[in-house]
Amino acid sequence: MNLEPLKVQEARRWYSAEINTSSAPLVNSVAKRLVDAKARYQGVETRTGVPWPIIAVAHEREAS
């Protein structure tokens, strides 16, 4: 299976995405909260081997 066309298409979409600056305060608030809880997520990382940022984002998505 040749994934190169899909990679090119996704790269185009990524670089052409518009950044909505009105959501920046919310994004910063969530990021700060997740980083403040870093130790908690690192405990899970130790037990699972999954990097703590992945755990934090998954937790935010599933628990919010």
C-alpha atoms as a PDB file:
ATOM      1  CA  MET A   1       0.000   0.000   0.000  1.00  0.00           C
ATOM      2  CA  ASN A   2       1.442   3.353  -1.048  1.00  0.00           C
ATOM      3  CA  LEU A   3       0.782   5.957   1.664  1.00  0.00           C
ATOM      4  CA  GLU A   4       2.828   8.699   0.028  1.00  0.00           C
ATOM      5  CA  PRO A   5      -0.156  10.450  -1.635  1.00  0.00           C
ATOM      6  CA  LEU A   6      -1.975  10.489   1.702  1.00  0.00           C
ATOM      7  CA  LYS A   7       1.100  11.919   3.454  1.00  0.00           C
ATOM      8  CA  VAL A   8       1.341  14.690   0.859  1.00  0.00           C
ATOM      9  CA  GLN A   9      -2.369  15.496   1.163  1.00  0.00           C
ATOM     10  CA  GLU A  10      -2.219  15.621   4.965  1.00  0.00           C
ATOM     11  CA  ALA A  11       0.882  17.830   4.890  1.00  0.00           C
ATOM     12  CA  ARG A  12      -0.957  20.263   2.590  1.00  0.00           C
ATOM     13  CA  ARG A  13      -3.956  20.323   4.922  1.00  0.00           C
ATOM     14  CA  TRP A  14      -1.731  20.880   7.961  1.00  0.00           C
ATOM     15  CA  TYR A  15       0.176  23.803   6.460  1.00  0.00           C
ATOM     16  CA  SER A  16      -2.921  25.469   5.071  1.00  0.00           C
ATOM     17  CA  ALA A  17      -4.923  25.248   8.311  1.00  0.00           C
ATOM     18  CA  GLU A  18      -6.096  28.556   9.645  1.00  0.00           C
ATOM     19  CA  ILE A  19      -5.102  29.340  13.197  1.00  0.00           C
ATOM     20  CA  ASN A  20      -7.989  30.638  15.269  1.00  0.00           C
ATOM     21  CA  THR A  21      -6.358  33.023  17.725  1.00  0.00           C
ATOM     22  CA  SER A  22      -9.612  33.556  19.607  1.00  0.00           C
ATOM     23  CA  SER A  23      -9.217  30.068  21.107  1.00  0.00           C
ATOM     24  CA  ALA A  24      -5.651  30.726  22.328  1.00  0.00           C
ATOM     25  CA  PRO A  25      -6.666  31.630  25.912  1.00  0.00           C
ATOM     26  CA  LEU A  26      -8.613  28.369  26.282  1.00  0.00           C
ATOM     27  CA  VAL A  27      -5.801  26.311  24.768  1.00  0.00           C
ATOM     28  CA  ASN A  28      -3.260  27.965  27.074  1.00  0.00           C
ATOM     29  CA  SER A  29      -5.474  27.370  30.110  1.00  0.00           C
ATOM     30  CA  VAL A  30      -5.891  23.673  29.347  1.00  0.00           C
ATOM     31  CA  ALA A  31      -2.185  23.258  28.570  1.00  0.00           C
ATOM     32  CA  LYS A  32      -1.212  24.910  31.862  1.00  0.00           C
ATOM     33  CA  ARG A  33      -3.578  22.671  33.824  1.00  0.00           C
ATOM     34  CA  LEU A  34      -2.194  19.538  32.178  1.00  0.00           C
ATOM     35  CA  VAL A  35       1.424  20.562  32.735  1.00  0.00           C
ATOM     36  CA  ASP A  36       0.628  21.419  36.368  1.00  0.00           C
ATOM     37  CA  ALA A  37      -0.592  17.812  36.758  1.00  0.00           C
ATOM     38  CA  LYS A  38       2.552  16.407  35.101  1.00  0.00           C
ATOM     39  CA  ALA A  39       3.640  14.409  38.179  1.00  0.00           C
ATOM     40  CA  ARG A  40       0.286  12.636  38.249  1.00  0.00           C
ATOM     41  CA  TYR A  41       0.586  11.654  34.590  1.00  0.00           C
ATOM     42  CA  GLN A  42       4.219  10.615  35.008  1.00  0.00           C
ATOM     43  CA  GLY A  43       3.073   8.099  37.605  1.00  0.00           C
ATOM     44  CA  VAL A  44       0.847   6.519  34.995  1.00  0.00           C
ATOM     45  CA  GLU A  45       3.675   6.730  32.441  1.00  0.00           C
ATOM     46  CA  THR A  46       5.910   4.724  34.781  1.00  0.00           C
ATOM     47  CA  ARG A  47       3.329   1.949  35.026  1.00  0.00           C
ATOM     48  CA  THR A  48       2.290   1.871  31.367  1.00  0.00           C
ATOM     49  CA  GLY A  49       5.255   3.082  29.321  1.00  0.00           C
ATOM     50  CA  VAL A  50       2.981   5.588  27.538  1.00  0.00           C
ATOM     51  CA  PRO A  51       4.511   9.104  27.459  1.00  0.00           C
ATOM     52  CA  TRP A  52       2.844  11.413  29.979  1.00  0.00           C
ATOM     53  CA  PRO A  53       1.776  14.051  27.400  1.00  0.00           C
ATOM     54  CA  ILE A  54      -0.231  11.393  25.538  1.00  0.00           C
ATOM     55  CA  ILE A  55      -1.867  10.311  28.797  1.00  0.00           C
ATOM     56  CA  ALA A  56      -2.661  13.922  29.717  1.00  0.00           C
ATOM     57  CA  VAL A  57      -4.279  14.697  26.365  1.00  0.00           C
ATOM     58  CA  ALA A  58      -6.263  11.445  26.379  1.00  0.00           C
ATOM     59  CA  HIS A  59      -7.440  12.155  29.921  1.00  0.00           C
ATOM     60  CA  GLU A  60      -8.474  15.703  28.947  1.00  0.00           C
ATOM     61  CA  ARG A  61     -10.396  14.432  25.956  1.00  0.00           C
ATOM     62  CA  GLU A  62     -12.138  11.553  27.698  1.00  0.00           C
ATOM     63  CA  ALA A  63     -12.852  13.172  31.057  1.00  0.00           C
ATOM     64  CA  SER A  64     -14.009  16.577  29.827  1.00  0.00           C
END
